[in-house]
Amino acid sequence: MQLSTDTTQPVLNRLRRAQGQLAGVVRMLEEERDCEDVVTQLAAVSKALDRAGFALIASGLKECVVAGEDADADKLERVFLSLA
């Protein structure tokens, strides 16, 4: 299943933000910042990645339905559950 640029661009934006957050976590560790602050930022990175994955899957499912493609339900379920 190929996704359009309209679908992938918002996901790319989310991933770039998560990449910046992750760089911040690395910097915090290098600076020996407080553990609680590091874990809080790490949780934010994790949530950002989850949201990017869910957005990508939701958009992909929507495009499959709109395009009328015969989507393999088992395959779609496996991809979706890989984020769980």
N, C-alpha and C. Protein backbone atom coordinates (compact mmCIF):
# COMPACT_ATOMS: atom_id res chain seq x y z
N MET A 1 0.85 -1.17 0.00
CA MET A 1 0.00 0.00 0.00
C MET A 1 0.90 1.23 0.00
N GLN A 2 0.76 2.05 -1.00
CA GLN A 2 1.51 3.30 -1.10
C GLN A 2 0.66 4.43 -0.55
N LEU A 3 1.28 5.31 0.21
CA LEU A 3 0.56 6.44 0.80
C LEU A 3 0.94 7.72 0.08
N SER A 4 -0.02 8.62 0.00
CA SER A 4 0.23 9.89 -0.68
C SER A 4 1.05 10.82 0.19
N THR A 5 1.63 11.83 -0.45
CA THR A 5 2.40 12.84 0.28
C THR A 5 1.51 13.58 1.27
N ASP A 6 0.25 13.79 0.92
CA ASP A 6 -0.68 14.45 1.84
C ASP A 6 -0.84 13.64 3.13
N THR A 7 -0.72 12.35 3.01
CA THR A 7 -0.84 11.47 4.17
C THR A 7 0.46 11.43 4.97
N THR A 8 1.56 11.32 4.27
CA THR A 8 2.84 11.12 4.96
C THR A 8 3.45 12.39 5.52
N GLN A 9 3.15 13.55 4.95
CA GLN A 9 3.79 14.78 5.41
C GLN A 9 3.51 15.10 6.88
N PRO A 10 2.26 15.01 7.34
CA PRO A 10 2.03 15.25 8.78
C PRO A 10 2.76 14.24 9.67
N VAL A 11 2.87 13.00 9.21
CA VAL A 11 3.59 11.99 9.98
C VAL A 11 5.08 12.32 10.02
N LEU A 12 5.62 12.74 8.89
CA LEU A 12 7.02 13.15 8.87
C LEU A 12 7.27 14.31 9.82
N ASN A 13 6.35 15.25 9.86
CA ASN A 13 6.49 16.38 10.79
C ASN A 13 6.51 15.90 12.23
N ARG A 14 5.63 14.97 12.57
CA ARG A 14 5.60 14.41 13.93
C ARG A 14 6.92 13.70 14.25
N LEU A 15 7.42 12.95 13.29
CA LEU A 15 8.66 12.21 13.50
C LEU A 15 9.86 13.15 13.67
N ARG A 16 9.86 14.24 12.93
CA ARG A 16 10.94 15.21 13.09
C ARG A 16 10.91 15.86 14.47
N ARG A 17 9.71 16.14 14.96
CA ARG A 17 9.59 16.68 16.31
C ARG A 17 10.08 15.66 17.34
N ALA A 18 9.69 14.41 17.15
CA ALA A 18 10.13 13.34 18.06
C ALA A 18 11.65 13.20 18.00
N GLN A 19 12.22 13.35 16.83
CA GLN A 19 13.67 13.27 16.67
C GLN A 19 14.35 14.38 17.48
N GLY A 20 13.78 15.57 17.45
CA GLY A 20 14.31 16.67 18.24
C GLY A 20 14.18 16.41 19.73
N GLN A 21 13.04 15.84 20.12
CA GLN A 21 12.85 15.49 21.53
C GLN A 21 13.85 14.44 21.97
N LEU A 22 14.09 13.45 21.12
CA LEU A 22 15.04 12.40 21.46
C LEU A 22 16.45 12.97 21.59
N ALA A 23 16.82 13.89 20.72
CA ALA A 23 18.12 14.54 20.84
C ALA A 23 18.21 15.28 22.17
N GLY A 24 17.10 15.87 22.60
CA GLY A 24 17.06 16.53 23.90
C GLY A 24 17.28 15.56 25.05
N VAL A 25 16.72 14.37 24.94
CA VAL A 25 16.90 13.35 25.98
C VAL A 25 18.37 12.94 26.05
N VAL A 26 18.97 12.72 24.90
CA VAL A 26 20.39 12.36 24.87
C VAL A 26 21.23 13.46 25.53
N ARG A 27 20.93 14.70 25.18
CA ARG A 27 21.65 15.84 25.76
C ARG A 27 21.46 15.89 27.28
N MET A 28 20.24 15.64 27.73
CA MET A 28 19.96 15.64 29.17
C MET A 28 20.79 14.58 29.89
N LEU A 29 20.89 13.40 29.28
CA LEU A 29 21.69 12.33 29.89
C LEU A 29 23.17 12.71 29.92
N GLU A 30 23.64 13.29 28.84
CA GLU A 30 25.04 13.71 28.79
C GLU A 30 25.34 14.78 29.84
N GLU A 31 24.35 15.62 30.12
CA GLU A 31 24.51 16.68 31.11
C GLU A 31 24.20 16.21 32.52
N GLU A 32 23.90 14.91 32.64
CA GLU A 32 23.58 14.30 33.93
C GLU A 32 22.43 15.01 34.64
N ARG A 33 21.39 15.27 33.88
CA ARG A 33 20.20 15.91 34.42
C ARG A 33 19.44 14.96 35.33
N ASP A 34 18.51 15.50 36.08
CA ASP A 34 17.70 14.73 37.02
C ASP A 34 16.97 13.60 36.29
N CYS A 35 16.99 12.43 36.90
CA CYS A 35 16.39 11.23 36.33
C CYS A 35 14.91 11.43 35.99
N GLU A 36 14.17 12.06 36.88
CA GLU A 36 12.74 12.25 36.66
C GLU A 36 12.49 13.11 35.41
N ASP A 37 13.30 14.13 35.21
CA ASP A 37 13.15 14.98 34.02
C ASP A 37 13.45 14.19 32.74
N VAL A 38 14.48 13.35 32.81
CA VAL A 38 14.85 12.54 31.64
C VAL A 38 13.73 11.57 31.30
N VAL A 39 13.21 10.89 32.30
CA VAL A 39 12.14 9.92 32.07
C VAL A 39 10.89 10.60 31.52
N THR A 40 10.58 11.79 32.03
CA THR A 40 9.43 12.54 31.53
C THR A 40 9.59 12.85 30.04
N GLN A 41 10.77 13.29 29.65
CA GLN A 41 11.02 13.60 28.24
C GLN A 41 11.03 12.34 27.38
N LEU A 42 11.56 11.27 27.93
CA LEU A 42 11.57 10.00 27.20
C LEU A 42 10.15 9.50 26.97
N ALA A 43 9.29 9.67 27.95
CA ALA A 43 7.88 9.30 27.79
C ALA A 43 7.23 10.14 26.69
N ALA A 44 7.60 11.41 26.62
CA ALA A 44 7.05 12.28 25.57
C ALA A 44 7.49 11.82 24.19
N VAL A 45 8.74 11.39 24.08
CA VAL A 45 9.24 10.87 22.80
C VAL A 45 8.46 9.62 22.42
N SER A 46 8.28 8.74 23.37
CA SER A 46 7.56 7.49 23.11
C SER A 46 6.14 7.78 22.64
N LYS A 47 5.48 8.69 23.30
CA LYS A 47 4.10 9.04 22.93
C LYS A 47 4.06 9.66 21.53
N ALA A 48 5.04 10.50 21.21
CA ALA A 48 5.09 11.12 19.89
C ALA A 48 5.27 10.06 18.80
N LEU A 49 6.11 9.07 19.06
CA LEU A 49 6.31 8.00 18.08
C LEU A 49 5.05 7.16 17.92
N ASP A 50 4.39 6.86 19.04
CA ASP A 50 3.13 6.12 18.98
C ASP A 50 2.09 6.87 18.14
N ARG A 51 1.97 8.16 18.40
CA ARG A 51 1.00 8.96 17.65
C ARG A 51 1.31 9.00 16.16
N ALA A 52 2.60 9.08 15.83
CA ALA A 52 2.99 9.07 14.42
C ALA A 52 2.59 7.73 13.78
N GLY A 53 2.85 6.64 14.48
CA GLY A 53 2.49 5.33 13.95
C GLY A 53 0.99 5.17 13.79
N PHE A 54 0.24 5.59 14.79
CA PHE A 54 -1.22 5.49 14.71
C PHE A 54 -1.77 6.36 13.59
N ALA A 55 -1.21 7.55 13.42
CA ALA A 55 -1.66 8.45 12.35
C ALA A 55 -1.39 7.82 10.99
N LEU A 56 -0.23 7.20 10.85
CA LEU A 56 0.11 6.56 9.59
C LEU A 56 -0.82 5.40 9.28
N ILE A 57 -1.09 4.58 10.26
CA ILE A 57 -1.98 3.44 10.05
C ILE A 57 -3.40 3.90 9.77
N ALA A 58 -3.88 4.88 10.54
CA ALA A 58 -5.25 5.37 10.33
C ALA A 58 -5.39 5.95 8.93
N SER A 59 -4.39 6.71 8.49
CA SER A 59 -4.45 7.28 7.14
C SER A 59 -4.39 6.20 6.09
N GLY A 60 -3.55 5.21 6.32
CA GLY A 60 -3.45 4.11 5.37
C GLY A 60 -4.75 3.34 5.25
N LEU A 61 -5.37 3.08 6.38
CA LEU A 61 -6.66 2.37 6.35
C LEU A 61 -7.71 3.19 5.61
N LYS A 62 -7.71 4.47 5.88
CA LYS A 62 -8.67 5.36 5.23
C LYS A 62 -8.46 5.36 3.72
N GLU A 63 -7.20 5.45 3.29
CA GLU A 63 -6.92 5.44 1.86
C GLU A 63 -7.30 4.12 1.21
N CYS A 64 -7.11 3.01 1.93
CA CYS A 64 -7.51 1.71 1.39
C CYS A 64 -9.02 1.64 1.19
N VAL A 65 -9.75 2.13 2.18
CA VAL A 65 -11.22 2.08 2.10
C VAL A 65 -11.72 2.99 0.99
N VAL A 66 -11.16 4.21 0.93
CA VAL A 66 -11.59 5.17 -0.09
C VAL A 66 -11.25 4.66 -1.49
N ALA A 67 -10.07 4.09 -1.63
CA ALA A 67 -9.65 3.59 -2.94
C ALA A 67 -10.34 2.30 -3.32
N GLY A 68 -11.02 1.69 -2.35
CA GLY A 68 -11.73 0.44 -2.63
C GLY A 68 -10.81 -0.75 -2.81
N GLU A 69 -9.59 -0.64 -2.28
CA GLU A 69 -8.65 -1.76 -2.40
C GLU A 69 -9.13 -2.92 -1.54
N ASP A 70 -8.79 -4.11 -1.98
CA ASP A 70 -9.07 -5.30 -1.18
C ASP A 70 -7.96 -5.42 -0.14
N ALA A 71 -8.20 -4.87 1.02
CA ALA A 71 -7.21 -4.89 2.09
C ALA A 71 -7.24 -6.24 2.78
N ASP A 72 -6.08 -6.79 3.02
CA ASP A 72 -5.94 -8.04 3.75
C ASP A 72 -6.13 -7.72 5.23
N ALA A 73 -7.25 -8.12 5.80
CA ALA A 73 -7.60 -7.77 7.18
C ALA A 73 -6.56 -8.29 8.17
N ASP A 74 -6.05 -9.49 7.95
CA ASP A 74 -5.04 -10.04 8.86
C ASP A 74 -3.76 -9.21 8.82
N LYS A 75 -3.35 -8.81 7.63
CA LYS A 75 -2.14 -8.01 7.50
C LYS A 75 -2.33 -6.65 8.17
N LEU A 76 -3.47 -6.01 7.95
CA LEU A 76 -3.73 -4.72 8.57
C LEU A 76 -3.75 -4.83 10.09
N GLU A 77 -4.34 -5.92 10.58
CA GLU A 77 -4.39 -6.13 12.03
C GLU A 77 -2.99 -6.32 12.60
N ARG A 78 -2.14 -7.09 11.92
CA ARG A 78 -0.77 -7.30 12.39
C ARG A 78 -0.01 -5.98 12.45
N VAL A 79 -0.14 -5.16 11.42
CA VAL A 79 0.55 -3.87 11.39
C VAL A 79 0.05 -2.99 12.52
N PHE A 80 -1.26 -2.94 12.70
CA PHE A 80 -1.83 -2.11 13.76
C PHE A 80 -1.36 -2.58 15.14
N LEU A 81 -1.41 -3.87 15.37
CA LEU A 81 -1.04 -4.42 16.68
C LEU A 81 0.45 -4.33 16.94
N SER A 82 1.24 -4.15 15.93
CA SER A 82 2.68 -4.00 16.14
C SER A 82 2.99 -2.74 16.94
N LEU A 83 2.06 -1.81 16.98
CA LEU A 83 2.23 -0.58 17.77
C LEU A 83 1.72 -0.73 19.20
N ALA A 84 1.03 -1.82 19.47
CA ALA A 84 0.44 -1.99 20.80
C ALA A 84 1.49 -2.35 21.84
